[in-house]
């Protein structure tokens, strides 16, 4: 089975797909790939590694000697290459299966899961292990500023991987993280999300239970001890289980939290840690990374030094610029809980400043009406709010869609200025006369939001 020589990737320009393809090329495999659109930096990155690329999906893109096809998560039936693979009876795998087969077997795999905080916690843990000299391989759904890239699948005894609960491929509707062979598992939190593939919270909890069920008895599970859903899914866990949280009952009790404009201090394991990150949820992210590194014997002093030097992840409370004393921040937040906690964290970072939230309902869940009542409560943490049009409106019927004008009405009822403006130009025109020196604007979207960040800075 492992005598594969030529791998062809369908959907190769995705961040994870491209990174894995390049890593396999470096291991000596022949690697080709195709994608609907080829654009830098991924197209340049792959070309520089000697990966032959084909734009568009056509049966003839699949080389005659390709003996393993890797199918990306975004690829569905009807894709010309997928149909050719099935008709030619070629061997095919999903990306998570490919990771398991070529990179994860036999390693110490540290998997970070949860509805929120996965990217930051994975980046933190990777940085700590790297500073401790363990040189971990890693796959992160973002770009940590300390590391400069989100993936490095070099040979190492350790792999730190962000465990996504989204489905694996069109032919495998299980969560991706079920393929990642966790020895140590972090469960940050469990909430309803991904309404396009999960029917309800119980379906999500079932997936997390299955994840906990594959952690070996000699492994470790770290769960959020303040989250009732986490405690519920871990009830029958067969591995060593440690609760991490602010509750005095948590085995890893976070205490003495002190927020400052330039970061946060807290105590864990009777040791004081300092992080440039802000907000309660980031303190817990840090506590999870500390507990995981401690399990592998990294000293608390080394962990503390690494924590203090962690620079964060792009698109997580990332300052994009300051103009006329007005600070513009980019954040990936799109779930109501993530939005609420991001805004609360910014309150600690910018005490006394007016905080504006610009939100694009773009994810497969926030486009839907499931968070119609939760979004106003989350966004009302800001002093003023502007909502954009629901992305890809035509894909949902009116009764399925989020009603942004109703969200705005509910926020305005709390006494805060709130507006609905469909496009970027209208949002900027609405905001410009309202902001003043010292204000902080946070742009919340899991997409590009029409390039609003740079356009807003230019207009201000």
Protein backbone atom coordinates (compact mmCIF):
# COMPACT_ATOMS: atom_id res chain seq x y z
CA UNK A 1 0.00 0.00 0.00
CA UNK A 2 2.88 2.35 0.72
CA UNK A 3 4.51 1.70 -2.67
CA UNK A 4 2.93 4.81 -4.11
CA UNK A 5 5.18 6.81 -6.38
CA UNK A 6 3.02 9.41 -8.13
CA UNK A 7 0.39 11.40 -6.21
CA UNK A 8 -2.12 13.70 -7.90
CA UNK A 9 -3.98 16.31 -5.81
CA UNK A 10 -7.45 17.49 -6.87
CA UNK A 11 -7.89 20.95 -5.36
CA UNK A 12 -4.18 21.42 -4.71
CA UNK A 13 -4.16 25.17 -4.07
CA UNK A 14 -5.89 25.00 -0.70
CA UNK A 15 -3.48 25.94 2.08
CA UNK A 16 -3.35 22.50 3.68
CA UNK A 17 -3.50 20.61 0.37
CA UNK A 18 -0.64 22.62 -1.09
CA UNK A 19 1.48 22.25 2.04
CA UNK A 20 1.04 18.48 2.15
CA UNK A 21 1.71 18.20 -1.59
CA UNK A 22 4.97 20.13 -1.21
CA UNK A 23 6.03 18.03 1.78
CA UNK A 24 5.46 14.82 -0.18
CA UNK A 25 7.45 16.23 -3.12
CA UNK A 26 10.33 16.89 -0.74
CA UNK A 27 10.13 13.24 0.36
CA UNK A 28 10.83 12.13 -3.20
CA UNK A 29 7.35 11.46 -4.55
CA UNK A 30 6.22 12.65 -7.96
CA UNK A 31 3.46 15.17 -7.24
CA UNK A 32 1.03 16.83 -9.64
CA UNK A 33 -2.16 18.71 -9.01
CA UNK A 34 -5.04 20.73 -10.36
CA UNK A 35 -7.34 23.47 -9.14
CA UNK A 36 -10.06 25.70 -10.50
CA UNK A 37 -8.01 28.85 -10.08
CA UNK A 38 -4.25 29.20 -9.71
CA UNK A 39 -3.03 32.29 -7.92
CA UNK A 40 -0.09 33.33 -5.74
CA UNK A 41 1.25 32.72 -3.23
CA UNK A 42 0.30 29.02 -3.32
CA UNK A 43 0.77 28.62 -7.09
CA UNK A 44 4.26 30.16 -6.90
CA UNK A 45 5.11 28.10 -3.81
CA UNK A 46 4.17 24.83 -5.49
CA UNK A 47 5.88 25.71 -8.76
CA UNK A 48 9.08 26.52 -6.86
CA UNK A 49 8.94 23.02 -5.35
CA UNK A 50 8.70 21.41 -8.78
CA UNK A 51 5.01 20.46 -8.55
CA UNK A 52 3.37 20.40 -11.98
CA UNK A 53 0.05 22.29 -11.89
CA UNK A 54 -2.99 22.22 -14.19
CA UNK A 55 -5.62 24.95 -14.09
CA UNK A 56 -9.19 23.72 -14.30
CA UNK A 57 -10.52 20.22 -13.73
CA UNK A 58 -10.24 17.80 -16.68
CA UNK A 59 -9.86 14.02 -16.85
CA UNK A 60 -6.66 14.39 -18.86
CA UNK A 61 -5.04 16.26 -15.94
CA UNK A 62 -4.67 12.96 -14.12
CA UNK A 63 -1.40 11.40 -15.31
CA UNK A 64 -1.62 7.84 -16.57
CA UNK A 65 0.92 6.69 -13.99
CA UNK A 66 -0.72 8.40 -10.98
CA UNK A 67 -1.24 5.68 -8.38
CA UNK A 68 -2.81 7.71 -5.57
CA UNK A 69 -5.30 10.56 -5.88
CA UNK A 70 -5.76 12.99 -2.97
CA UNK A 71 -9.20 14.61 -3.06
CA UNK A 72 -9.68 17.97 -1.37
CA UNK A 73 -12.52 18.73 1.02
CA UNK A 74 -14.05 21.30 -1.35
CA UNK A 75 -14.32 18.80 -4.22
CA UNK A 76 -17.71 17.18 -4.89
CA UNK A 77 -19.30 14.65 -7.21
CA UNK A 78 -19.64 16.00 -10.72
CA UNK A 79 -16.08 17.27 -10.71
CA UNK A 80 -14.59 16.01 -13.98
CA UNK A 81 -11.48 14.58 -12.32
CA UNK A 82 -13.43 12.90 -9.53
CA UNK A 83 -15.64 11.20 -12.10
CA UNK A 84 -12.53 10.03 -13.97
CA UNK A 85 -11.01 8.67 -10.75
CA UNK A 86 -14.13 6.68 -9.96
CA UNK A 87 -14.56 5.39 -13.53
CA UNK A 88 -10.89 4.39 -13.76
CA UNK A 89 -11.10 2.72 -10.34
CA UNK A 90 -8.04 4.59 -9.09
CA UNK A 91 -6.97 4.58 -5.44
CA UNK A 92 -8.04 7.79 -3.72
CA UNK A 93 -7.81 9.24 -0.23
CA UNK A 94 -8.93 12.38 1.54
CA UNK A 95 -6.34 14.85 2.81
CA UNK A 96 -6.76 13.76 6.47
CA UNK A 97 -6.29 10.12 5.45
CA UNK A 98 -3.17 11.11 3.52
CA UNK A 99 -1.80 12.91 6.56
CA UNK A 100 -2.44 9.83 8.70
CA UNK A 101 -0.82 7.46 6.23
CA UNK A 102 2.32 9.44 5.40
CA UNK A 103 2.94 11.72 8.38
CA UNK A 104 1.13 10.77 11.59
CA UNK A 105 1.59 7.05 12.14
CA UNK A 106 4.15 6.28 14.82
CA UNK A 107 4.47 9.87 16.03
CA UNK A 108 3.48 11.69 19.18
CA UNK A 109 0.48 13.60 17.78
CA UNK A 110 -0.87 16.54 19.75
CA UNK A 111 -4.31 17.43 18.39
CA UNK A 112 -6.07 20.68 19.28
CA UNK A 113 -9.84 20.64 18.86
CA UNK A 114 -12.86 22.71 19.86
CA UNK A 115 -15.32 25.16 18.36
CA UNK A 116 -13.09 28.13 19.18
CA UNK A 117 -9.43 28.84 19.82
CA UNK A 118 -7.98 25.95 17.81
CA UNK A 119 -5.65 28.01 15.65
CA UNK A 120 -4.24 30.14 18.45
CA UNK A 121 -3.79 27.18 20.80
CA UNK A 122 -2.13 25.05 18.09
CA UNK A 123 0.23 27.91 17.24
CA UNK A 124 1.05 28.51 20.91
CA UNK A 125 1.77 24.84 21.56
CA UNK A 126 3.92 24.54 18.45
CA UNK A 127 5.93 27.60 19.46
CA UNK A 128 6.46 26.33 23.01
CA UNK A 129 7.66 22.92 21.82
CA UNK A 130 9.91 24.54 19.25
CA UNK A 131 11.46 26.84 21.85
CA UNK A 132 11.96 23.77 24.06
CA UNK A 133 14.06 22.19 21.31
CA UNK A 134 11.58 19.45 20.35
CA UNK A 135 11.33 20.70 16.75
CA UNK A 136 7.70 19.63 16.15
CA UNK A 137 6.10 19.21 12.75
CA UNK A 138 2.84 21.12 12.58
CA UNK A 139 -0.28 21.91 10.59
CA UNK A 140 -2.12 25.06 11.66
CA UNK A 141 -5.19 26.71 10.09
CA UNK A 142 -3.57 30.13 10.12
CA UNK A 143 -0.17 31.79 9.94
CA UNK A 144 1.56 32.24 13.32
CA UNK A 145 3.77 35.31 13.21
CA UNK A 146 6.58 33.55 15.06
CA UNK A 147 6.67 30.67 12.60
CA UNK A 148 6.01 32.50 9.33
CA UNK A 149 4.01 29.62 7.87
CA UNK A 150 1.12 27.41 8.88
CA UNK A 151 2.61 24.05 8.01
CA UNK A 152 5.87 22.16 8.30
CA UNK A 153 5.66 18.39 7.94
CA UNK A 154 9.34 17.64 8.42
CA UNK A 155 10.52 14.46 10.13
CA UNK A 156 9.99 14.80 13.86
CA UNK A 157 8.86 12.67 16.77
CA UNK A 158 6.16 15.26 17.46
CA UNK A 159 3.35 16.65 15.33
CA UNK A 160 1.02 19.42 16.50
CA UNK A 161 -2.12 19.57 14.39
CA UNK A 162 -5.27 21.67 14.42
CA UNK A 163 -8.18 19.24 14.67
CA UNK A 164 -11.13 20.49 12.65
CA UNK A 165 -14.58 19.00 13.25
CA UNK A 166 -15.69 19.77 9.69
CA UNK A 167 -16.30 16.80 7.41
CA UNK A 168 -13.46 15.01 5.64
CA UNK A 169 -14.48 14.69 1.97
CA UNK A 170 -17.48 14.09 -0.24
CA UNK A 171 -17.04 10.34 0.38
CA UNK A 172 -16.32 10.60 4.12
CA UNK A 173 -18.67 12.71 6.22
CA UNK A 174 -16.87 12.04 9.48
CA UNK A 175 -14.99 14.90 11.10
CA UNK A 176 -11.43 15.42 9.88
CA UNK A 177 -9.97 15.11 13.37
CA UNK A 178 -10.95 11.43 13.57
CA UNK A 179 -8.02 10.65 11.25
CA UNK A 180 -5.32 12.38 13.29
CA UNK A 181 -4.27 9.62 15.75
CA UNK A 182 -4.12 11.85 18.86
CA UNK A 183 -1.83 10.87 21.69
CA UNK A 184 -2.60 14.12 23.46
CA UNK A 185 -5.94 15.79 22.78
CA UNK A 186 -7.08 19.30 23.70
CA UNK A 187 -10.80 20.08 23.65
CA UNK A 188 -11.13 23.84 24.05
CA UNK A 189 -14.94 24.02 23.96
CA UNK A 190 -17.92 22.39 22.28
CA UNK A 191 -20.70 24.50 20.77
CA UNK A 192 -23.09 24.34 17.84
CA UNK A 193 -21.45 25.37 14.57
CA UNK A 194 -21.23 24.25 10.93
CA UNK A 195 -24.98 24.25 10.45
CA UNK A 196 -24.48 23.11 6.87
CA UNK A 197 -23.29 19.66 7.96
CA UNK A 198 -24.38 19.19 11.60
CA UNK A 199 -28.07 18.99 12.40
CA UNK A 200 -27.76 20.08 16.03
CA UNK A 201 -25.46 20.25 19.04
CA UNK A 202 -25.98 16.55 19.80
CA UNK A 203 -24.51 15.64 16.40
CA UNK A 204 -21.42 17.71 17.15
CA UNK A 205 -21.07 16.17 20.60
CA UNK A 206 -21.24 12.70 19.07
CA UNK A 207 -18.32 13.56 16.81
CA UNK A 208 -16.25 14.78 19.78
CA UNK A 209 -17.10 11.62 21.74
CA UNK A 210 -15.76 9.57 18.84
CA UNK A 211 -12.58 11.66 18.91
CA UNK A 212 -12.03 11.08 22.62
CA UNK A 213 -12.66 7.39 22.06
CA UNK A 214 -9.52 6.99 19.91
CA UNK A 215 -7.07 8.55 22.41
CA UNK A 216 -4.94 5.67 23.76
CA UNK A 217 -5.20 4.74 27.43
CA UNK A 218 -1.62 5.96 27.97
CA UNK A 219 -2.42 9.28 26.29
CA UNK A 220 -3.81 12.51 27.72
CA UNK A 221 -6.99 14.51 27.24
CA UNK A 222 -7.17 18.15 28.34
CA UNK A 223 -10.69 19.57 28.43
CA UNK A 224 -12.21 22.93 29.28
CA UNK A 225 -13.40 22.39 32.84
CA UNK A 226 -15.68 25.43 32.61
CA UNK A 227 -17.64 24.07 29.64
CA UNK A 228 -20.52 21.74 30.45
CA UNK A 229 -20.52 20.33 26.93
CA UNK A 230 -16.84 19.39 27.20
CA UNK A 231 -17.44 17.63 30.50
CA UNK A 232 -20.40 15.79 28.97
CA UNK A 233 -18.53 14.47 25.91
CA UNK A 234 -15.59 13.35 28.08
CA UNK A 235 -17.72 11.37 30.52
CA UNK A 236 -16.62 7.94 29.27
CA UNK A 237 -13.08 8.88 28.28
CA UNK A 238 -10.63 5.96 28.68
CA UNK A 239 -7.46 8.10 28.63
CA UNK A 240 -6.05 10.19 31.43
CA UNK A 241 -8.29 13.26 31.70
CA UNK A 242 -7.40 16.67 33.13
CA UNK A 243 -9.77 19.63 33.39
CA UNK A 244 -8.28 23.06 32.68
CA UNK A 245 -10.20 26.16 33.67
CA UNK A 246 -11.06 29.00 36.01
CA UNK A 247 -13.15 26.78 38.26
CA UNK A 248 -11.43 25.99 41.59
CA UNK A 249 -12.40 22.35 40.96
CA UNK A 250 -10.27 22.19 37.80
CA UNK A 251 -7.08 20.17 38.20
CA UNK A 252 -5.29 22.87 36.21
CA UNK A 253 -6.79 25.87 37.98
CA UNK A 254 -6.17 29.24 36.28
CA UNK A 255 -6.02 31.97 38.90
CA UNK A 256 -4.81 35.50 39.67
CA UNK A 257 -5.58 36.81 36.18
CA UNK A 258 -4.44 40.40 35.65
CA UNK A 259 -5.18 42.23 32.41
CA UNK A 260 -2.91 44.98 31.12
CA UNK A 261 -2.99 47.09 27.97
CA UNK A 262 -0.04 45.12 26.58
CA UNK A 263 -1.07 41.63 27.66
CA UNK A 264 -2.16 39.39 30.50
CA UNK A 265 -0.63 37.73 33.55
CA UNK A 266 -2.01 34.63 35.25
CA UNK A 267 -0.95 31.79 37.50
CA UNK A 268 -1.07 28.10 36.57
CA UNK A 269 0.71 25.20 38.27
CA UNK A 270 1.92 27.73 40.87
CA UNK A 271 3.88 29.54 38.17
CA UNK A 272 3.26 33.04 36.84
CA UNK A 273 2.92 33.36 33.07
CA UNK A 274 2.71 36.44 30.90
CA UNK A 275 1.26 36.60 27.40
CA UNK A 276 0.81 39.47 24.94
CA UNK A 277 -2.66 38.02 24.23
CA UNK A 278 -5.76 39.44 25.90
CA UNK A 279 -9.15 38.12 26.93
CA UNK A 280 -10.32 35.25 29.11
CA UNK A 281 -10.51 32.82 26.19
CA UNK A 282 -6.87 33.49 25.27
CA UNK A 283 -5.82 32.86 28.86
CA UNK A 284 -7.47 29.46 28.60
CA UNK A 285 -5.79 28.85 25.23
CA UNK A 286 -2.46 29.54 26.92
CA UNK A 287 -3.33 27.29 29.85
CA UNK A 288 -4.11 24.42 27.46
CA UNK A 289 -0.79 24.85 25.64
CA UNK A 290 1.09 25.04 28.94
CA UNK A 291 -0.58 21.88 30.25
CA UNK A 292 0.16 19.99 27.02
CA UNK A 293 3.83 20.98 26.94
CA UNK A 294 4.15 20.14 30.64
CA UNK A 295 2.82 16.63 29.91
CA UNK A 296 5.83 16.11 27.61
CA UNK A 297 8.30 17.25 30.24
CA UNK A 298 8.96 20.84 29.14
CA UNK A 299 9.96 22.93 32.15
CA UNK A 300 7.64 25.70 33.32
CA UNK A 301 10.44 28.27 32.98
CA UNK A 302 10.97 27.37 29.31
CA UNK A 303 7.21 27.44 28.73
CA UNK A 304 6.91 30.86 30.38
CA UNK A 305 9.68 32.33 28.25
CA UNK A 306 8.06 31.01 25.07
CA UNK A 307 4.61 32.28 26.12
CA UNK A 308 5.95 35.78 26.66
CA UNK A 309 7.52 35.86 23.19
CA UNK A 310 4.50 34.55 21.25
CA UNK A 311 3.46 37.16 18.69
CA UNK A 312 0.03 35.83 17.80
CA UNK A 313 -1.60 34.63 14.59
CA UNK A 314 -2.47 36.66 11.55
CA UNK A 315 -6.14 37.61 11.43
CA UNK A 316 -6.57 37.07 15.18
CA UNK A 317 -6.89 40.58 16.67
CA UNK A 318 -4.27 41.68 14.16
CA UNK A 319 -3.68 45.41 13.92
CA UNK A 320 -3.84 46.37 10.24
CA UNK A 321 -3.02 50.04 10.74
CA UNK A 322 -3.62 53.26 12.64
CA UNK A 323 -4.76 56.46 10.92
CA UNK A 324 -5.50 59.75 12.70
CA UNK A 325 -5.41 57.89 16.01
CA UNK A 326 -8.02 55.37 14.81
CA UNK A 327 -6.90 51.73 15.06
CA UNK A 328 -8.17 49.17 12.53
CA UNK A 329 -8.06 45.52 13.63
CA UNK A 330 -8.71 42.37 11.63
CA UNK A 331 -10.21 39.31 13.32
CA UNK A 332 -11.38 35.95 12.01
CA UNK A 333 -14.28 35.81 14.50
CA UNK A 334 -17.57 34.66 13.01
CA UNK A 335 -19.32 32.56 15.69
CA UNK A 336 -21.26 34.59 18.31
CA UNK A 337 -19.10 33.26 21.16
CA UNK A 338 -15.88 34.10 19.33
CA UNK A 339 -17.20 37.58 18.50
CA UNK A 340 -18.22 38.23 22.10
CA UNK A 341 -14.92 37.06 23.54
CA UNK A 342 -12.90 38.99 20.94
CA UNK A 343 -14.73 42.20 21.79
CA UNK A 344 -14.27 41.61 25.52
CA UNK A 345 -10.57 40.97 24.99
CA UNK A 346 -10.23 44.23 23.06
CA UNK A 347 -11.90 46.04 25.96
CA UNK A 348 -9.01 44.95 28.16
CA UNK A 349 -6.48 45.93 25.52
CA UNK A 350 -8.01 49.34 24.80
CA UNK A 351 -9.61 50.49 28.06
CA UNK A 352 -11.75 53.59 27.74
CA UNK A 353 -11.73 53.52 23.92
CA UNK A 354 -14.86 53.44 21.76
CA UNK A 355 -15.09 50.09 19.99
CA UNK A 356 -16.77 49.67 16.59
CA UNK A 357 -17.58 46.23 15.17
CA UNK A 358 -18.00 45.65 11.43
CA UNK A 359 -19.36 42.17 10.77
CA UNK A 360 -19.75 40.16 7.58
CA UNK A 361 -22.15 37.16 7.92
CA UNK A 362 -20.13 34.86 5.70
CA UNK A 363 -19.64 31.45 7.33
CA UNK A 364 -22.00 28.60 6.54
CA UNK A 365 -23.54 29.01 10.00
CA UNK A 366 -23.75 32.79 10.46
CA UNK A 367 -25.36 33.14 7.04
CA UNK A 368 -28.24 31.14 8.46
CA UNK A 369 -30.93 32.17 10.93
CA UNK A 370 -29.67 29.80 13.65
CA UNK A 371 -27.82 32.65 15.39
CA UNK A 372 -30.49 35.30 14.79
CA UNK A 373 -30.83 35.92 18.55
CA UNK A 374 -27.24 35.18 19.60
CA UNK A 375 -25.51 37.60 17.22
CA UNK A 376 -27.17 40.78 18.59
CA UNK A 377 -26.11 39.87 22.13
CA UNK A 378 -22.53 39.20 21.01
CA UNK A 379 -22.16 42.30 18.83
CA UNK A 380 -23.72 44.52 21.51
CA UNK A 381 -20.40 44.19 23.38
CA UNK A 382 -19.20 46.91 20.97
CA UNK A 383 -20.13 50.61 21.23
CA UNK A 384 -21.31 50.68 17.62
CA UNK A 385 -22.04 48.04 14.99
CA UNK A 386 -22.34 47.85 11.20
CA UNK A 387 -23.53 44.66 9.50
CA UNK A 388 -22.85 43.78 5.88
CA UNK A 389 -25.05 41.80 3.54
CA UNK A 390 -25.28 38.05 4.04
CA UNK A 391 -22.73 36.40 1.74
CA UNK A 392 -24.02 34.16 -1.07
CA UNK A 393 -27.62 35.09 -0.30
CA UNK A 394 -28.98 33.27 -3.32
CA UNK A 395 -27.96 29.90 -1.85
CA UNK A 396 -30.46 30.20 1.00
CA UNK A 397 -34.21 30.80 1.05
CA UNK A 398 -35.43 33.87 3.00
CA UNK A 399 -36.68 31.73 5.88
CA UNK A 400 -33.25 30.06 6.17
CA UNK A 401 -31.19 33.26 6.01
CA UNK A 402 -29.99 35.48 8.80
CA UNK A 403 -31.90 38.78 8.80
CA UNK A 404 -29.16 41.41 9.32
CA UNK A 405 -31.65 44.28 9.53
CA UNK A 406 -33.37 42.55 12.43
CA UNK A 407 -29.98 42.02 14.12
CA UNK A 408 -29.34 45.76 13.76
CA UNK A 409 -32.77 46.60 15.17
CA UNK A 410 -32.16 44.39 18.20
CA UNK A 411 -28.75 46.00 18.84
CA UNK A 412 -30.15 49.51 18.43
CA UNK A 413 -32.79 48.67 21.06
CA UNK A 414 -29.92 48.48 23.60
CA UNK A 415 -29.05 52.12 22.88
CA UNK A 416 -26.04 51.46 20.69
CA UNK A 417 -25.76 52.86 17.16
CA UNK A 418 -26.24 49.99 14.72
CA UNK A 419 -26.59 50.01 10.94
CA UNK A 420 -27.10 47.64 8.04
CA UNK A 421 -25.13 48.54 4.92
CA UNK A 422 -24.98 45.91 2.15
CA UNK A 423 -21.63 46.77 0.54
CA UNK A 424 -18.14 47.88 1.53
CA UNK A 425 -18.49 51.36 0.00
CA UNK A 426 -21.69 51.98 1.94
CA UNK A 427 -20.14 50.70 5.17
CA UNK A 428 -17.16 53.03 4.85
CA UNK A 429 -19.40 55.98 3.97
CA UNK A 430 -21.55 55.30 7.03
CA UNK A 431 -18.61 54.86 9.38
CA UNK A 432 -16.36 57.75 8.35
CA UNK A 433 -18.37 60.61 9.92
CA UNK A 434 -19.02 58.58 13.08
CA UNK A 435 -15.46 57.72 14.14
CA UNK A 436 -13.05 59.99 15.95
CA UNK A 437 -9.50 59.92 17.23
CA UNK A 438 -8.89 57.14 19.73
CA UNK A 439 -11.58 54.83 18.36
CA UNK A 440 -10.91 51.16 17.65
CA UNK A 441 -12.53 49.43 14.67
CA UNK A 442 -12.55 45.63 14.56
CA UNK A 443 -13.48 43.95 11.28
CA UNK A 444 -14.98 40.51 11.87
CA UNK A 445 -15.08 38.05 8.98
CA UNK A 446 -13.77 34.64 8.01
CA UNK A 447 -13.19 35.93 4.49
CA UNK A 448 -11.67 38.90 2.71
CA UNK A 449 -14.69 41.20 3.27
CA UNK A 450 -14.11 42.90 -0.08
CA UNK A 451 -10.69 44.25 0.93
CA UNK A 452 -12.36 46.56 3.44
CA UNK A 453 -9.31 46.73 5.70
CA UNK A 454 -7.04 48.59 3.29
CA UNK A 455 -9.90 50.57 1.74
CA UNK A 456 -11.00 51.79 5.16
CA UNK A 457 -7.48 52.79 6.17
CA UNK A 458 -7.11 54.72 2.91
CA UNK A 459 -10.44 56.52 3.35
CA UNK A 460 -9.71 57.42 6.98
